[in-house]
Protein backbone atom coordinates (compact mmCIF):
# COMPACT_ATOMS: atom_id res chain seq x y z
CA MET A 1 40.27 -32.02 33.07
CA LYS A 2 40.40 -32.18 29.28
CA ILE A 3 38.16 -34.83 27.71
CA LEU A 4 38.40 -36.05 24.12
CA VAL A 5 35.03 -37.14 22.69
CA ILE A 6 35.63 -39.77 20.00
CA GLY A 7 32.77 -40.12 17.53
CA ALA A 8 31.69 -36.55 18.25
CA SER A 9 29.42 -36.21 15.21
CA GLY A 10 27.25 -39.19 16.17
CA LEU A 11 23.66 -39.19 17.43
CA LEU A 12 24.58 -40.03 21.02
CA ALA A 13 27.64 -37.82 21.30
CA GLY A 14 25.88 -34.44 21.10
CA PRO A 15 24.03 -34.74 24.43
CA VAL A 16 27.19 -35.99 26.15
CA ILE A 17 29.12 -33.01 24.81
CA ARG A 18 26.46 -30.57 26.05
CA LYS A 19 26.33 -32.09 29.53
CA LEU A 20 30.11 -32.27 29.91
CA ASP A 21 30.30 -28.65 28.75
CA GLU A 22 27.71 -27.65 31.38
CA LYS A 23 29.93 -29.26 34.03
CA GLY A 24 32.81 -27.06 32.91
CA TYR A 25 35.04 -29.67 31.30
CA ASP A 26 37.50 -28.65 28.60
CA LEU A 27 36.53 -30.62 25.49
CA ARG A 28 38.17 -31.68 22.25
CA LEU A 29 35.89 -33.28 19.64
CA PHE A 30 37.09 -35.92 17.19
CA SER A 31 35.52 -37.69 14.23
CA ARG A 32 35.86 -37.80 10.46
CA SER A 33 33.04 -35.31 9.85
CA VAL A 34 32.79 -33.20 13.03
CA LYS A 35 32.40 -29.44 12.39
CA PRO A 36 32.11 -26.37 14.66
CA SER A 37 28.67 -25.61 13.17
CA MET A 38 27.26 -28.75 14.83
CA PHE A 39 27.53 -27.19 18.29
CA VAL A 40 26.19 -24.10 20.02
CA ASN A 41 29.36 -23.43 21.98
CA ASP A 42 32.90 -23.29 20.66
CA HIS A 43 34.99 -26.42 21.15
CA GLU A 44 38.36 -27.57 19.91
CA ILE A 45 37.74 -29.65 16.77
CA THR A 46 40.03 -32.34 15.34
CA GLN A 47 38.95 -34.27 12.26
CA GLY A 48 40.38 -37.72 11.69
CA ASP A 49 39.85 -41.47 11.51
CA VAL A 50 40.01 -43.85 14.49
CA PHE A 51 41.73 -46.38 12.24
CA ASN A 52 44.57 -43.92 11.53
CA VAL A 53 47.03 -43.98 14.43
CA ALA A 54 48.57 -40.64 13.41
CA ASP A 55 45.13 -39.00 13.56
CA LEU A 56 44.55 -40.50 17.00
CA GLU A 57 47.94 -39.34 18.29
CA LYS A 58 47.07 -35.78 17.32
CA ALA A 59 43.62 -36.01 18.92
CA VAL A 60 44.63 -37.73 22.17
CA SER A 61 47.71 -35.62 22.91
CA GLY A 62 47.12 -33.38 25.93
CA CYS A 63 43.85 -35.04 27.00
CA ASP A 64 43.25 -36.52 30.45
CA ALA A 65 40.22 -38.65 29.54
CA LEU A 66 38.44 -40.11 26.51
CA HIS A 67 34.75 -40.70 25.88
CA ILE A 68 34.15 -43.26 23.12
CA SER A 69 30.85 -43.12 21.22
CA LEU A 70 31.33 -45.14 18.04
CA ALA A 71 29.04 -46.67 15.45
CA SER A 72 31.96 -48.37 13.74
CA ALA A 73 31.85 -51.57 11.73
CA ASP A 74 34.96 -52.67 13.62
CA ASP A 75 34.81 -51.40 17.20
CA VAL A 76 37.48 -53.87 18.31
CA LYS A 77 40.18 -52.51 16.01
CA ALA A 78 39.18 -48.91 16.74
CA VAL A 79 39.29 -49.36 20.52
CA SER A 80 42.55 -51.28 20.28
CA ASN A 81 44.07 -48.28 18.48
CA ILE A 82 42.59 -45.87 21.03
CA ILE A 83 44.00 -47.79 24.01
CA GLU A 84 47.43 -48.12 22.40
CA VAL A 85 47.66 -44.38 21.72
CA SER A 86 46.20 -43.46 25.12
CA LYS A 87 48.90 -45.40 26.97
CA ARG A 88 51.54 -43.29 25.22
CA ASN A 89 49.84 -39.99 26.04
CA GLY A 90 49.09 -39.98 29.76
CA VAL A 91 45.34 -40.59 29.56
CA ARG A 92 43.85 -41.54 32.94
CA ARG A 93 40.17 -42.31 32.27
CA ILE A 94 38.09 -43.83 29.48
CA SER A 95 34.31 -44.02 29.13
CA LEU A 96 32.45 -46.12 26.56
CA VAL A 97 28.90 -46.30 25.23
CA SER A 98 28.03 -49.98 24.77
CA GLY A 99 24.61 -51.71 24.82
CA CYS A 100 22.29 -53.25 27.40
CA THR A 101 22.30 -56.76 25.90
CA VAL A 102 26.09 -57.07 25.87
CA ALA A 103 26.80 -60.28 27.78
CA GLU A 104 28.74 -63.53 27.46
CA GLU A 105 25.63 -65.49 26.48
CA ASN A 106 24.86 -63.16 23.56
CA ARG A 107 28.26 -63.31 21.91
CA TRP A 108 26.92 -65.56 19.14
CA PHE A 109 25.91 -62.30 17.42
CA LYS A 110 29.01 -60.60 15.98
CA PHE A 111 27.92 -57.03 16.75
CA THR A 112 27.43 -57.94 20.42
CA ASP A 113 30.64 -59.96 20.50
CA ASP A 114 32.52 -56.89 19.26
CA LYS A 115 30.93 -54.75 21.99
CA PHE A 116 31.76 -57.39 24.62
CA ARG A 117 35.38 -57.53 23.50
CA THR A 118 35.76 -53.74 23.52
CA GLU A 119 34.35 -53.61 27.06
CA GLN A 120 36.84 -56.24 28.19
CA MET A 121 39.73 -54.40 26.53
CA ILE A 122 38.86 -51.20 28.36
CA MET A 123 38.33 -52.91 31.72
CA GLN A 124 41.72 -54.63 31.38
CA SER A 125 43.56 -51.56 30.04
CA GLY A 126 44.77 -50.22 33.38
CA PHE A 127 42.81 -46.97 33.00
CA SER A 128 39.96 -45.92 35.24
CA TRP A 129 36.83 -46.65 33.22
CA TYR A 130 33.07 -46.14 32.96
CA ILE A 131 30.92 -48.33 30.72
CA PHE A 132 27.37 -47.28 29.83
CA ARG A 133 24.88 -49.87 28.59
CA PRO A 134 21.80 -48.08 27.25
CA THR A 135 18.57 -49.59 26.00
CA TRP A 136 16.62 -48.14 23.03
CA PHE A 137 16.61 -44.35 22.61
CA PHE A 138 13.63 -42.13 21.83
CA ASP A 139 16.07 -40.32 19.55
CA SER A 140 16.25 -43.36 17.24
CA LEU A 141 12.52 -43.29 16.43
CA PRO A 142 12.81 -41.02 13.35
CA MET A 143 14.77 -43.81 11.64
CA PHE A 144 11.61 -45.94 11.55
CA VAL A 145 9.66 -43.36 9.52
CA ARG A 146 10.32 -43.26 5.77
CA ASN A 147 8.35 -41.78 2.88
CA GLY A 148 5.27 -41.11 4.98
CA LYS A 149 5.16 -44.62 6.46
CA ALA A 150 6.20 -46.07 9.81
CA SER A 151 7.25 -49.66 10.27
CA VAL A 152 8.89 -51.93 12.83
CA LEU A 153 11.30 -54.54 11.54
CA GLY A 154 10.37 -58.02 12.75
CA ARG A 155 8.22 -58.81 15.78
CA LEU A 156 9.76 -57.33 18.92
CA THR A 157 7.53 -58.14 21.88
CA ASP A 158 9.77 -56.92 24.73
CA ARG A 159 8.79 -53.82 26.66
CA TYR A 160 11.92 -51.68 26.71
CA HIS A 161 12.83 -48.90 29.17
CA TRP A 162 13.03 -46.25 26.44
CA VAL A 163 15.45 -43.46 27.31
CA ALA A 164 16.39 -39.98 26.08
CA ALA A 165 19.90 -39.38 24.77
CA ASP A 166 20.05 -36.28 26.98
CA ASP A 167 19.78 -38.56 30.02
CA LEU A 168 22.75 -40.58 28.79
CA GLY A 169 24.66 -37.30 28.59
CA THR A 170 23.70 -36.46 32.16
CA MET A 171 24.86 -39.86 33.40
CA VAL A 172 28.22 -39.60 31.64
CA ALA A 173 28.84 -36.11 33.03
CA ASP A 174 27.76 -37.21 36.52
CA ALA A 175 30.12 -40.19 36.42
CA TYR A 176 33.09 -38.00 35.60
CA SER A 177 32.26 -35.59 38.41
CA THR A 178 31.36 -38.17 41.10
CA ALA A 179 34.14 -39.47 43.33
CA GLY A 180 34.26 -43.27 43.38
CA ALA A 181 32.09 -43.69 40.27
CA GLU A 182 34.85 -45.20 38.15
CA ASN A 183 35.30 -48.88 37.24
CA ARG A 184 31.58 -49.63 37.06
CA ILE A 185 29.05 -50.65 34.44
CA TYR A 186 25.99 -48.39 34.28
CA TYR A 187 22.71 -49.45 32.70
CA VAL A 188 20.84 -46.54 31.11
CA TYR A 189 17.10 -47.22 31.46
CA GLY A 190 14.25 -44.72 31.22
CA PRO A 191 11.20 -44.55 33.52
CA GLU A 192 8.59 -46.03 31.12
CA ARG A 193 8.30 -49.35 29.28
CA TYR A 194 6.87 -49.83 25.79
CA THR A 195 7.18 -52.37 23.02
CA MET A 196 8.80 -51.14 19.83
CA LYS A 197 5.43 -50.90 18.08
CA GLU A 198 3.73 -49.14 21.01
CA MET A 199 6.54 -46.59 21.12
CA LEU A 200 6.45 -45.94 17.39
CA GLU A 201 2.66 -45.54 17.49
CA LYS A 202 2.98 -42.93 20.26
CA TYR A 203 5.72 -41.18 18.30
CA CYS A 204 3.59 -40.99 15.16
CA ARG A 205 0.53 -39.70 17.03
CA ALA A 206 2.65 -36.95 18.57
CA LEU A 207 4.90 -35.88 15.69
CA HIS A 208 3.51 -37.53 12.53
CA PRO A 209 -0.30 -37.45 12.91
CA GLU A 210 -0.67 -38.00 9.16
CA ILE A 211 0.55 -41.58 9.70
CA LYS A 212 -2.46 -43.54 10.93
CA SER A 213 -0.92 -46.96 11.49
CA VAL A 214 2.42 -48.64 12.12
CA GLY A 215 3.34 -51.67 10.07
CA GLU A 216 5.44 -54.71 10.93
CA THR A 217 7.90 -55.75 8.23
CA PRO A 218 8.78 -59.48 8.26
CA LEU A 219 12.51 -60.10 8.33
CA LEU A 220 12.72 -62.98 5.85
CA PRO A 221 11.83 -60.89 2.75
CA LEU A 222 14.32 -58.24 3.89
CA LYS A 223 17.05 -60.84 4.21
CA ILE A 224 16.29 -62.15 0.70
CA ILE A 225 16.32 -58.64 -0.79
CA ALA A 226 19.56 -57.84 1.02
CA PHE A 227 21.15 -61.02 -0.34
CA LEU A 228 20.00 -60.44 -3.92
CA THR A 229 20.98 -56.76 -3.97
CA ARG A 230 24.12 -57.16 -1.84
CA ASN A 231 22.84 -54.33 0.32
CA ARG A 232 25.08 -54.49 3.40
CA GLN A 233 23.08 -51.95 5.42
CA LEU A 234 19.84 -53.83 4.87
CA LYS A 235 21.54 -57.14 5.67
CA PHE A 236 22.83 -55.74 8.96
CA ALA A 237 19.45 -54.21 9.88
CA ALA A 238 17.67 -57.52 9.26
CA SER A 239 20.23 -59.45 11.30
CA LEU A 240 20.14 -56.87 14.13
CA PHE A 241 16.36 -57.02 14.50
CA GLY A 242 16.48 -60.80 14.22
CA TYR A 243 18.85 -60.67 17.19
CA PHE A 244 16.42 -58.52 19.18
CA GLU A 245 13.62 -60.99 18.45
CA LYS A 246 15.64 -63.56 20.41
CA VAL A 247 17.44 -61.49 23.06
CA HIS A 248 15.68 -59.60 25.83
CA GLU A 249 16.46 -56.40 27.69
CA PRO A 250 18.01 -57.60 30.96
CA GLU A 251 16.24 -56.99 34.25
CA ILE A 252 18.48 -54.82 36.43
CA SER A 253 18.03 -54.29 40.17
CA GLU A 254 16.86 -50.92 41.46
CA ASP A 255 20.09 -50.60 43.45
CA ASP A 256 22.20 -51.00 40.31
CA LEU A 257 20.04 -48.56 38.36
CA ALA A 258 20.47 -45.96 41.12
CA LEU A 259 24.28 -45.91 41.09
CA LEU A 260 24.08 -42.55 39.29
CA ALA A 261 21.19 -40.11 38.86
CA ARG A 262 18.57 -42.24 37.12
CA PRO A 263 17.08 -41.04 33.80
CA GLU A 264 13.81 -39.20 34.38
CA THR A 265 12.73 -38.13 30.89
CA ASP A 266 9.48 -39.79 29.85
CA PHE A 267 8.16 -39.84 26.30
CA ASP A 268 5.86 -36.83 26.66
CA THR A 269 8.69 -34.71 28.04
CA TRP A 270 10.98 -35.81 25.23
CA VAL A 271 8.34 -34.95 22.61
CA LYS A 272 7.91 -31.44 24.03
CA SER A 273 11.65 -30.89 23.65
CA LYS A 274 11.34 -31.73 19.94
CA GLN A 275 8.37 -29.48 19.15
């Protein structure tokens, strides 16, 4: 089976690529900035834009399945293009990385509404599909450390099942190689639960011991600064963490979490892999 990985240069795509490669799948990697030097093993590389149908036609041609791992500002348009091109090129399966809070009741937030709509498009496309809904990743923690300081945006009191991106990769590869695993939603939850601040404190103690405390940045000043400076990235970050102040990680039954091999990487194991 030949699998096209769309968004191959992204943070969450690398582990999926490694695990699919370990399973022996033939891979083609597609994004605007993907390069052979990003990967240990040789893979077929195709640069292009998901919003350019001609680029997608070139990338999808000859592939049996697609794995979509996008951080796009317009997932709906991108996935619409992908499905349209896939139907013309004999694709049989599609997998998608979504998010654990994607649900009808959370569609008031545009980012979640876009994710919800892309899930629905894929489920109704006629292809066999796999949807992965991960919680927060250990691998995102470096983004909260800047200029020798660590800070959480807003006040997030939930204890999340933090997970390693490698475990997402394992689940995606297992789904493709497990008979009967298609047409299901998989929640990607790790074995330990921490609040955002607890997790960042552990991260700093392990990898940034020079940082002695973790701050909490109120969202209102960030929103004001974003408005005055027209900083779109800051505006989105403030709105995203405002969303997570209101929306909780869903509780998922043990049976549903065990549909595939459950993530086993705890924080200490993840840290050792980074040292």
